[in-house]
Amino acid sequence: MTDWEDIRYFLAVARGGSVRAAAERLEVTHSTVLRRIAKLEEHLGAQIFEKLTSGYRLTDAGEEILEFAEQMEASSYRLETRVFGRDQSVRGRLRVTMAPILATHLLMPDFADFARLHPEVEIEILPSGELVNRYAGAGYYSQCFQQSLFSARLGWPLRVGAARARS
């Protein structure tokens, strides 16, 4: 069976075009990259890189391997994402305070998308109601919206996501 670590080294050389670039990307020594590539070539029984003065170029065998190596990499990332996501699921309450006009007209689609992606998160949107009154001078605030009006008209505080399912 092919060692995934050898495939990682193969991909780094193929993408970087040189052993030096691969070593820097993988944060290992030049000799480690050469050793892993030699091990992979021995295991596969084929030369996968052609060494040129300008760097390394894939042979025909290397080109064939590249497609499968990229599929292995994508599968590895999907596996990690699923397992990590299962163990590290996002849950709890996210409380956002903002002007109601922003919440209802500008950001509601984003909140809805977030709620679909993270169903265990309860999003609570509270109206802020306080904006800087520039005409009255810096440091003064005026109450532009009354929370009670929005609570009655729009059902504030809005709850999106987990709270909606419980209601």
Protein backbone atom coordinates (compact mmCIF):
# COMPACT_ATOMS: atom_id res chain seq x y z
CA MET A 1 0.00 0.00 0.00
CA THR A 2 1.23 3.48 -0.86
CA ASP A 3 2.19 5.66 2.09
CA TRP A 4 0.12 8.86 2.22
CA GLU A 5 3.12 10.81 3.53
CA ASP A 6 5.07 9.90 0.39
CA ILE A 7 2.16 11.20 -1.70
CA ARG A 8 2.24 14.51 0.22
CA TYR A 9 5.92 14.88 -0.67
CA PHE A 10 5.22 13.96 -4.28
CA LEU A 11 2.50 16.64 -4.50
CA ALA A 12 4.76 19.26 -2.93
CA VAL A 13 7.52 18.62 -5.49
CA ALA A 14 5.04 18.48 -8.38
CA ARG A 15 3.46 21.77 -7.34
CA GLY A 16 6.64 23.56 -6.34
CA GLY A 17 8.74 22.35 -9.25
CA SER A 18 11.76 21.71 -7.05
CA VAL A 19 12.92 19.77 -4.02
CA ARG A 20 13.86 23.03 -2.32
CA ALA A 21 10.36 24.50 -2.76
CA ALA A 22 8.81 21.27 -1.47
CA ALA A 23 11.13 21.23 1.54
CA GLU A 24 10.18 24.80 2.42
CA ARG A 25 6.48 24.11 1.99
CA LEU A 26 6.61 20.97 4.13
CA GLU A 27 9.09 22.49 6.59
CA VAL A 28 11.55 19.61 6.26
CA THR A 29 15.06 19.22 4.93
CA HIS A 30 16.03 18.82 1.30
CA SER A 31 17.31 15.31 2.00
CA THR A 32 14.01 14.25 3.57
CA VAL A 33 12.16 15.21 0.39
CA LEU A 34 14.66 13.30 -1.77
CA ARG A 35 14.40 10.24 0.48
CA ARG A 36 10.56 10.22 0.37
CA ILE A 37 10.49 10.63 -3.42
CA ALA A 38 13.04 7.80 -3.86
CA LYS A 39 10.94 5.60 -1.56
CA LEU A 40 7.79 6.31 -3.59
CA GLU A 41 9.56 5.66 -6.89
CA GLU A 42 10.91 2.36 -5.56
CA HIS A 43 7.47 1.33 -4.27
CA LEU A 44 5.80 2.17 -7.59
CA GLY A 45 8.62 0.83 -9.74
CA ALA A 46 8.68 3.94 -11.90
CA GLN A 47 10.58 7.19 -12.23
CA ILE A 48 8.08 9.95 -11.46
CA PHE A 49 10.25 13.05 -11.89
CA GLU A 50 12.78 14.13 -14.46
CA LYS A 51 15.55 16.23 -12.94
CA LEU A 52 16.33 19.30 -15.03
CA THR A 53 18.67 22.23 -14.40
CA SER A 54 15.58 24.37 -13.84
CA GLY A 55 13.97 21.95 -11.36
CA TYR A 56 11.86 18.82 -11.41
CA ARG A 57 9.34 17.91 -14.09
CA LEU A 58 6.81 15.09 -13.96
CA THR A 59 7.42 12.10 -16.22
CA ASP A 60 4.49 10.45 -18.00
CA ALA A 61 4.15 8.10 -15.02
CA GLY A 62 4.27 11.10 -12.69
CA GLU A 63 1.48 12.79 -14.64
CA GLU A 64 -0.69 9.69 -14.20
CA ILE A 65 0.08 9.53 -10.50
CA LEU A 66 -0.69 13.22 -10.05
CA GLU A 67 -4.39 12.77 -10.78
CA PHE A 68 -4.74 9.97 -8.23
CA ALA A 69 -2.58 11.79 -5.68
CA GLU A 70 -4.82 14.86 -5.88
CA GLN A 71 -7.87 12.64 -5.38
CA MET A 72 -6.20 11.07 -2.32
CA GLU A 73 -5.47 14.54 -0.95
CA ALA A 74 -9.06 15.69 -1.48
CA SER A 75 -10.39 12.54 0.19
CA SER A 76 -8.04 13.04 3.12
CA TYR A 77 -9.24 16.63 3.59
CA ARG A 78 -12.88 15.55 3.39
CA LEU A 79 -12.27 12.83 5.97
CA GLU A 80 -10.56 15.24 8.36
CA THR A 81 -13.26 17.86 7.88
CA ARG A 82 -16.08 15.43 8.59
CA VAL A 83 -14.46 13.89 11.63
CA PHE A 84 -13.24 17.21 12.99
CA GLY A 85 -16.61 18.83 12.31
CA ARG A 86 -18.40 16.04 14.14
CA ASP A 87 -16.24 16.37 17.23
CA GLN A 88 -16.01 20.15 17.17
CA SER A 89 -19.54 21.09 16.22
CA VAL A 90 -20.55 24.68 16.77
CA ARG A 91 -23.40 25.14 19.21
CA GLY A 92 -24.70 27.70 21.65
CA ARG A 93 -26.04 31.22 21.42
CA LEU A 94 -24.81 34.00 19.20
CA ARG A 95 -26.19 37.36 20.28
CA VAL A 96 -25.94 40.22 17.79
CA THR A 97 -26.94 43.79 18.55
CA MET A 98 -27.54 46.06 15.59
CA ALA A 99 -29.89 48.59 14.12
CA PRO A 100 -33.08 46.78 13.06
CA ILE A 101 -32.94 48.13 9.53
CA LEU A 102 -29.56 46.42 9.03
CA ALA A 103 -30.77 43.14 10.46
CA THR A 104 -34.00 42.90 8.49
CA HIS A 105 -32.89 44.29 5.13
CA LEU A 106 -29.17 43.74 4.82
CA LEU A 107 -27.99 40.83 6.94
CA MET A 108 -31.01 38.54 7.30
CA PRO A 109 -30.05 36.35 4.29
CA ASP A 110 -26.59 35.87 5.83
CA PHE A 111 -28.07 34.99 9.20
CA ALA A 112 -30.40 32.49 7.53
CA ASP A 113 -27.47 30.87 5.68
CA PHE A 114 -25.48 30.70 8.91
CA ALA A 115 -28.45 29.11 10.70
CA ARG A 116 -28.70 26.43 8.00
CA LEU A 117 -24.98 25.66 8.24
CA HIS A 118 -24.96 25.62 12.04
CA PRO A 119 -28.38 24.39 13.22
CA GLU A 120 -27.20 24.02 16.82
CA VAL A 121 -26.47 27.75 17.10
CA GLU A 122 -29.23 30.01 18.33
CA ILE A 123 -28.88 33.46 16.79
CA GLU A 124 -30.49 36.20 18.82
CA ILE A 125 -30.68 39.59 17.10
CA LEU A 126 -31.35 42.49 19.44
CA PRO A 127 -32.19 46.00 18.25
CA SER A 128 -29.56 48.52 19.28
CA GLY A 129 -31.66 51.65 18.91
CA GLU A 130 -28.77 53.94 19.73
CA LEU A 131 -27.02 55.84 17.00
CA VAL A 132 -24.63 58.76 17.26
CA ASN A 133 -26.46 62.03 16.79
CA ARG A 134 -23.89 64.01 14.83
CA TYR A 135 -25.98 67.18 14.98
CA ALA A 136 -25.99 67.23 18.75
CA GLY A 137 -22.20 66.92 18.93
CA ALA A 138 -19.81 64.06 19.58
CA GLY A 139 -20.50 61.89 22.57
CA TYR A 140 -24.27 62.45 22.57
CA TYR A 141 -26.62 59.65 21.66
CA SER A 142 -30.20 59.84 20.65
CA GLN A 143 -32.77 57.10 20.78
CA CYS A 144 -33.71 56.71 17.10
CA PHE A 145 -35.81 53.62 17.52
CA GLN A 146 -37.81 52.51 20.48
CA GLN A 147 -37.31 48.85 21.25
CA SER A 148 -40.94 48.44 22.23
CA LEU A 149 -42.11 49.50 18.76
CA PHE A 150 -39.90 46.93 17.09
CA SER A 151 -40.76 44.27 19.62
CA ALA A 152 -44.42 44.70 18.83
CA ARG A 153 -44.09 45.12 15.07
CA LEU A 154 -41.26 42.76 14.17
CA GLY A 155 -41.14 40.38 17.07
CA TRP A 156 -37.86 41.56 18.58
CA PRO A 157 -35.64 40.08 19.68
CA LEU A 158 -35.50 38.00 16.52
CA ARG A 159 -34.44 34.41 17.01
CA VAL A 160 -33.03 32.42 14.14
CA GLY A 161 -31.85 28.81 14.12
CA ALA A 162 -32.05 26.55 17.13
CA ALA A 163 -34.56 28.76 18.95
CA ARG A 164 -36.89 28.63 15.97
CA ALA A 165 -36.97 24.84 16.14
CA ARG A 166 -37.81 24.93 19.85
CA SER A 167 -40.64 27.45 19.50
